[in-house]
């Protein structure tokens, strides 16, 4: 695998994925460029799923949706191939995870629609610029993610719990993080909860449902953002016959600058 500090541009990351060299999380790679979650569904399920995203914009902010059968992109990159350009994919059948692969070319079909969904990795660079350290990046780990007791708005068979990502911050940092992430509503925006994880159905912060645990210091609060892994929980509940997603933390790295997604979101 190439050294992570050598993967400084989106094309570097996508090429490393395409060659099969990069098979791990993309947090901290190609800093300054937006990353995206991926959900791929047959056209028969895509209409309801798109409405599910539109009704649940905090966890599922849509950045781009492809035409059926198209594995290239118009907005997020001009030379990308969604079949090869992520480090790791999950393949789902009847709502069950059946395999994780680095290439989905042999699984591709003419009726597949791809959904690129905003990722909180985008605002991490803005946090770092303002001195708000992000623990999982410091430790070289995947961000911890948790299912909550909060339910998304259902559309057809698509329903399920909100999934959140967690970053431990000191109180002053948490306030600053709210101010910064409010400018990025297309990549989850402001946190949905701070502190008291049991109030949103999380019993143990050292046992995430996805990603890797990180230490939380005595003077820190867990800060929770809506997470683009939420659609995977919806897929498990909806049980479509076939679906493909990114593996948690293994994002599509786009050519879109993080700053291009910066805009004001009212509190």
Protein backbone atom coordinates (compact mmCIF):
# COMPACT_ATOMS: atom_id res chain seq x y z
CA UNK A 1 0.00 0.00 0.00
CA UNK A 2 1.31 3.53 -0.75
CA UNK A 3 2.17 5.67 2.26
CA UNK A 4 -0.91 7.61 3.35
CA UNK A 5 1.03 10.89 3.35
CA UNK A 6 1.68 10.39 -0.37
CA UNK A 7 -2.04 10.33 -1.21
CA UNK A 8 -2.46 14.10 -1.36
CA UNK A 9 -4.80 14.54 -4.35
CA UNK A 10 -8.17 12.96 -5.18
CA UNK A 11 -6.65 11.34 -8.26
CA UNK A 12 -3.86 9.83 -6.11
CA UNK A 13 -6.49 8.23 -3.88
CA UNK A 14 -8.71 7.03 -6.71
CA UNK A 15 -5.74 5.56 -8.60
CA UNK A 16 -4.58 3.74 -5.46
CA UNK A 17 -8.09 2.30 -5.10
CA UNK A 18 -8.29 1.40 -8.79
CA UNK A 19 -4.99 -0.50 -8.63
CA UNK A 20 -6.10 -2.32 -5.48
CA UNK A 21 -3.31 -0.79 -3.36
CA UNK A 22 -5.59 1.22 -1.01
CA UNK A 23 -7.98 -0.99 0.97
CA UNK A 24 -8.53 1.05 4.14
CA UNK A 25 -10.31 4.15 5.38
CA UNK A 26 -9.90 7.50 3.60
CA UNK A 27 -10.06 9.83 6.61
CA UNK A 28 -7.26 12.40 6.36
CA UNK A 29 -6.44 11.64 2.71
CA UNK A 30 -6.44 14.33 -0.03
CA UNK A 31 -7.15 17.02 2.54
CA UNK A 32 -9.21 19.91 1.25
CA UNK A 33 -11.33 17.75 -1.06
CA UNK A 34 -14.83 16.49 -0.35
CA UNK A 35 -15.45 12.82 0.31
CA UNK A 36 -18.72 10.98 -0.24
CA UNK A 37 -20.60 7.92 0.92
CA UNK A 38 -21.92 5.60 -1.78
CA UNK A 39 -25.15 3.65 -2.17
CA UNK A 40 -25.94 1.74 -5.36
CA UNK A 41 -29.40 0.30 -5.99
CA UNK A 42 -31.42 -1.11 -8.88
CA UNK A 43 -33.74 1.40 -10.52
CA UNK A 44 -36.81 -0.30 -9.00
CA UNK A 45 -35.62 0.69 -5.51
CA UNK A 46 -33.86 3.93 -6.42
CA UNK A 47 -36.97 6.11 -6.61
CA UNK A 48 -38.03 5.41 -3.02
CA UNK A 49 -34.45 5.60 -1.78
CA UNK A 50 -33.99 9.03 -3.33
CA UNK A 51 -37.10 10.25 -1.52
CA UNK A 52 -35.79 8.67 1.71
CA UNK A 53 -32.63 10.77 1.33
CA UNK A 54 -34.60 13.91 0.56
CA UNK A 55 -36.73 13.45 3.69
CA UNK A 56 -33.66 12.72 5.85
CA UNK A 57 -31.15 15.34 4.66
CA UNK A 58 -29.04 15.41 7.84
CA UNK A 59 -27.76 11.83 7.50
CA UNK A 60 -28.31 11.56 3.73
CA UNK A 61 -27.34 14.84 2.00
CA UNK A 62 -27.27 14.06 -1.72
CA UNK A 63 -24.27 15.39 -3.66
CA UNK A 64 -24.90 13.56 -6.94
CA UNK A 65 -27.19 10.88 -8.37
CA UNK A 66 -26.28 9.03 -11.57
CA UNK A 67 -28.41 7.87 -14.47
CA UNK A 68 -29.16 4.11 -14.50
CA UNK A 69 -26.17 2.08 -15.59
CA UNK A 70 -23.75 5.03 -15.48
CA UNK A 71 -20.64 4.46 -13.37
CA UNK A 72 -19.06 7.86 -14.09
CA UNK A 73 -19.86 11.22 -12.52
CA UNK A 74 -20.58 14.76 -13.72
CA UNK A 75 -20.29 16.97 -10.63
CA UNK A 76 -17.87 15.25 -8.28
CA UNK A 77 -15.19 14.09 -10.72
CA UNK A 78 -14.63 13.83 -14.46
CA UNK A 79 -12.38 10.75 -14.63
CA UNK A 80 -13.89 8.54 -11.94
CA UNK A 81 -15.16 4.98 -12.17
CA UNK A 82 -17.49 4.12 -9.30
CA UNK A 83 -16.82 0.41 -9.86
CA UNK A 84 -13.17 0.65 -8.81
CA UNK A 85 -12.40 4.02 -7.20
CA UNK A 86 -13.31 3.33 -3.56
CA UNK A 87 -11.02 1.32 -1.25
CA UNK A 88 -13.65 -1.23 -0.23
CA UNK A 89 -17.29 -1.98 -1.09
CA UNK A 90 -20.01 -3.89 0.71
CA UNK A 91 -22.35 -6.14 -1.26
CA UNK A 92 -25.84 -6.73 0.12
CA UNK A 93 -28.45 -9.32 -0.87
CA UNK A 94 -31.89 -9.35 0.76
CA UNK A 95 -30.62 -6.96 3.40
CA UNK A 96 -27.70 -9.18 4.41
CA UNK A 97 -24.05 -8.27 3.98
CA UNK A 98 -22.63 -11.06 1.83
CA UNK A 99 -19.12 -9.84 0.99
CA UNK A 100 -16.66 -6.96 0.99
CA UNK A 101 -14.68 -6.43 -2.21
CA UNK A 102 -12.29 -3.88 -3.72
CA UNK A 103 -13.83 -3.94 -7.22
CA UNK A 104 -17.47 -4.25 -8.29
CA UNK A 105 -16.92 -4.36 -12.06
CA UNK A 106 -18.18 -7.93 -12.37
CA UNK A 107 -21.30 -7.05 -10.35
CA UNK A 108 -22.24 -4.04 -12.46
CA UNK A 109 -25.66 -3.91 -14.16
CA UNK A 110 -27.35 -1.54 -16.58
CA UNK A 111 -30.17 -0.77 -14.10
CA UNK A 112 -27.95 0.38 -11.22
CA UNK A 113 -28.30 3.94 -9.86
CA UNK A 114 -25.53 5.42 -7.70
CA UNK A 115 -26.13 7.89 -4.88
CA UNK A 116 -23.19 9.98 -3.63
CA UNK A 117 -23.95 11.26 -0.13
CA UNK A 118 -22.06 13.97 1.79
CA UNK A 119 -19.49 12.84 4.36
CA UNK A 120 -18.42 14.47 7.62
CA UNK A 121 -14.75 13.97 6.70
CA UNK A 122 -15.25 17.15 4.63
CA UNK A 123 -15.65 19.45 7.60
CA UNK A 124 -12.77 17.87 9.54
CA UNK A 125 -10.27 19.97 7.58
CA UNK A 126 -12.17 23.12 8.57
CA UNK A 127 -12.13 22.00 12.21
CA UNK A 128 -8.37 21.43 12.04
CA UNK A 129 -7.82 24.88 10.54
CA UNK A 130 -9.40 26.36 13.66
CA UNK A 131 -7.39 24.22 16.06
CA UNK A 132 -10.11 21.66 16.77
CA UNK A 133 -8.23 18.37 16.82
CA UNK A 134 -9.98 15.22 15.62
CA UNK A 135 -8.99 12.19 17.67
CA UNK A 136 -9.46 9.43 15.08
CA UNK A 137 -7.32 11.31 12.54
CA UNK A 138 -4.59 11.83 15.15
CA UNK A 139 -4.58 8.10 15.88
CA UNK A 140 -4.88 7.00 12.24
CA UNK A 141 -8.17 5.23 12.94
CA UNK A 142 -11.56 5.08 11.29
CA UNK A 143 -14.14 7.38 12.91
CA UNK A 144 -16.39 5.60 15.48
CA UNK A 145 -20.01 5.30 14.34
CA UNK A 146 -23.07 4.22 16.30
CA UNK A 147 -26.68 3.23 15.66
CA UNK A 148 -29.03 5.39 17.74
CA UNK A 149 -32.58 5.06 19.05
CA UNK A 150 -33.63 7.94 16.74
CA UNK A 151 -35.68 6.82 13.75
CA UNK A 152 -35.40 8.23 10.24
CA UNK A 153 -38.51 9.21 8.28
CA UNK A 154 -39.62 6.15 6.34
CA UNK A 155 -40.35 5.95 2.61
CA UNK A 156 -41.80 2.72 1.32
CA UNK A 157 -39.65 -0.10 2.66
CA UNK A 158 -36.75 2.21 3.51
CA UNK A 159 -36.61 2.96 7.23
CA UNK A 160 -34.31 2.50 10.17
CA UNK A 161 -32.26 4.21 12.86
CA UNK A 162 -30.13 7.31 12.49
CA UNK A 163 -26.44 6.43 12.58
CA UNK A 164 -24.04 9.00 14.05
CA UNK A 165 -20.30 9.59 13.99
CA UNK A 166 -18.63 10.68 17.23
CA UNK A 167 -15.73 13.01 17.96
CA UNK A 168 -14.65 13.76 21.55
CA UNK A 169 -14.15 17.49 22.16
CA UNK A 170 -13.64 19.82 25.10
CA UNK A 171 -16.65 22.12 25.74
CA UNK A 172 -15.06 25.19 24.13
CA UNK A 173 -14.08 23.09 21.11
CA UNK A 174 -17.62 21.73 20.85
CA UNK A 175 -19.02 25.26 20.67
CA UNK A 176 -16.52 26.17 17.96
CA UNK A 177 -17.31 22.93 16.11
CA UNK A 178 -21.01 23.85 16.04
CA UNK A 179 -20.16 27.23 14.55
CA UNK A 180 -17.88 25.70 11.91
CA UNK A 181 -20.01 22.73 10.87
CA UNK A 182 -23.11 24.91 10.61
CA UNK A 183 -21.50 26.23 7.43
CA UNK A 184 -21.54 22.74 5.85
CA UNK A 185 -25.18 21.55 5.67
CA UNK A 186 -24.39 19.43 2.58
CA UNK A 187 -22.06 17.29 4.68
CA UNK A 188 -24.28 16.74 7.76
CA UNK A 189 -24.07 20.27 9.23
CA UNK A 190 -24.28 20.84 12.98
CA UNK A 191 -24.13 18.00 15.53
CA UNK A 192 -27.40 16.30 16.41
CA UNK A 193 -26.40 15.60 20.03
CA UNK A 194 -23.70 16.42 22.60
CA UNK A 195 -22.93 14.40 25.71
CA UNK A 196 -25.22 11.87 27.48
CA UNK A 197 -25.03 9.15 24.80
CA UNK A 198 -27.67 7.00 26.49
CA UNK A 199 -30.27 9.65 25.62
CA UNK A 200 -29.88 8.62 21.98
CA UNK A 201 -29.59 4.90 22.69
CA UNK A 202 -25.81 4.48 22.84
CA UNK A 203 -24.69 2.39 25.83
CA UNK A 204 -20.94 2.02 25.32
CA UNK A 205 -18.76 4.51 23.43
CA UNK A 206 -15.93 1.97 23.35
CA UNK A 207 -18.02 -0.44 21.29
CA UNK A 208 -18.98 1.37 18.07
CA UNK A 209 -21.23 -0.36 15.55
CA UNK A 210 -18.93 0.77 12.74
CA UNK A 211 -15.39 2.14 12.65
CA UNK A 212 -12.99 2.08 15.58
CA UNK A 213 -13.20 3.24 19.19
CA UNK A 214 -11.19 6.25 20.33
CA UNK A 215 -10.28 7.34 23.88
CA UNK A 216 -12.29 10.10 25.52
CA UNK A 217 -10.52 12.26 28.09
CA UNK A 218 -12.12 13.32 31.39
CA UNK A 219 -12.54 16.94 30.23
CA UNK A 220 -14.14 15.99 26.90
CA UNK A 221 -17.70 15.52 25.68
CA UNK A 222 -18.76 13.08 22.97
CA UNK A 223 -20.13 15.12 20.05
CA UNK A 224 -22.39 13.30 17.58
CA UNK A 225 -23.02 14.14 13.93
CA UNK A 226 -25.54 12.48 11.60
CA UNK A 227 -23.62 9.94 9.54
CA UNK A 228 -23.80 8.75 5.94
CA UNK A 229 -23.69 5.12 7.10
CA UNK A 230 -27.37 5.61 7.99
CA UNK A 231 -28.42 4.29 4.55
CA UNK A 232 -26.73 0.99 5.35
CA UNK A 233 -28.99 0.62 8.38
CA UNK A 234 -31.95 1.43 6.12
CA UNK A 235 -30.82 -1.23 3.64
CA UNK A 236 -30.67 -3.81 6.43
CA UNK A 237 -34.24 -2.91 7.39
CA UNK A 238 -35.60 -2.64 3.83
CA UNK A 239 -33.90 -5.83 2.59
CA UNK A 240 -33.67 -4.96 -1.12
CA UNK A 241 -32.72 -7.92 -3.29
CA UNK A 242 -29.42 -6.29 -4.26
CA UNK A 243 -27.41 -3.26 -3.15
CA UNK A 244 -23.81 -2.06 -2.97
CA UNK A 245 -22.40 0.50 -0.53
CA UNK A 246 -19.00 1.77 0.53
CA UNK A 247 -17.48 0.00 3.50
CA UNK A 248 -17.70 2.32 6.53
CA UNK A 249 -14.95 4.93 6.36
CA UNK A 250 -13.90 3.88 2.84
CA UNK A 251 -15.20 6.88 0.92
CA UNK A 252 -15.19 8.16 -2.62
CA UNK A 253 -12.73 11.07 -2.77
CA UNK A 254 -14.04 13.72 -5.15
CA UNK A 255 -12.47 16.63 -7.03
CA UNK A 256 -14.89 19.00 -5.28
CA UNK A 257 -13.18 21.40 -2.90
CA UNK A 258 -14.41 21.30 0.68
CA UNK A 259 -14.84 25.07 0.60
CA UNK A 260 -17.27 24.80 -2.31
CA UNK A 261 -19.67 23.09 0.10
CA UNK A 262 -19.39 25.85 2.68
CA UNK A 263 -22.57 27.88 3.16
CA UNK A 264 -24.52 29.26 6.08
CA UNK A 265 -27.01 26.99 7.80
CA UNK A 266 -29.34 28.67 10.33
CA UNK A 267 -29.26 27.32 13.87
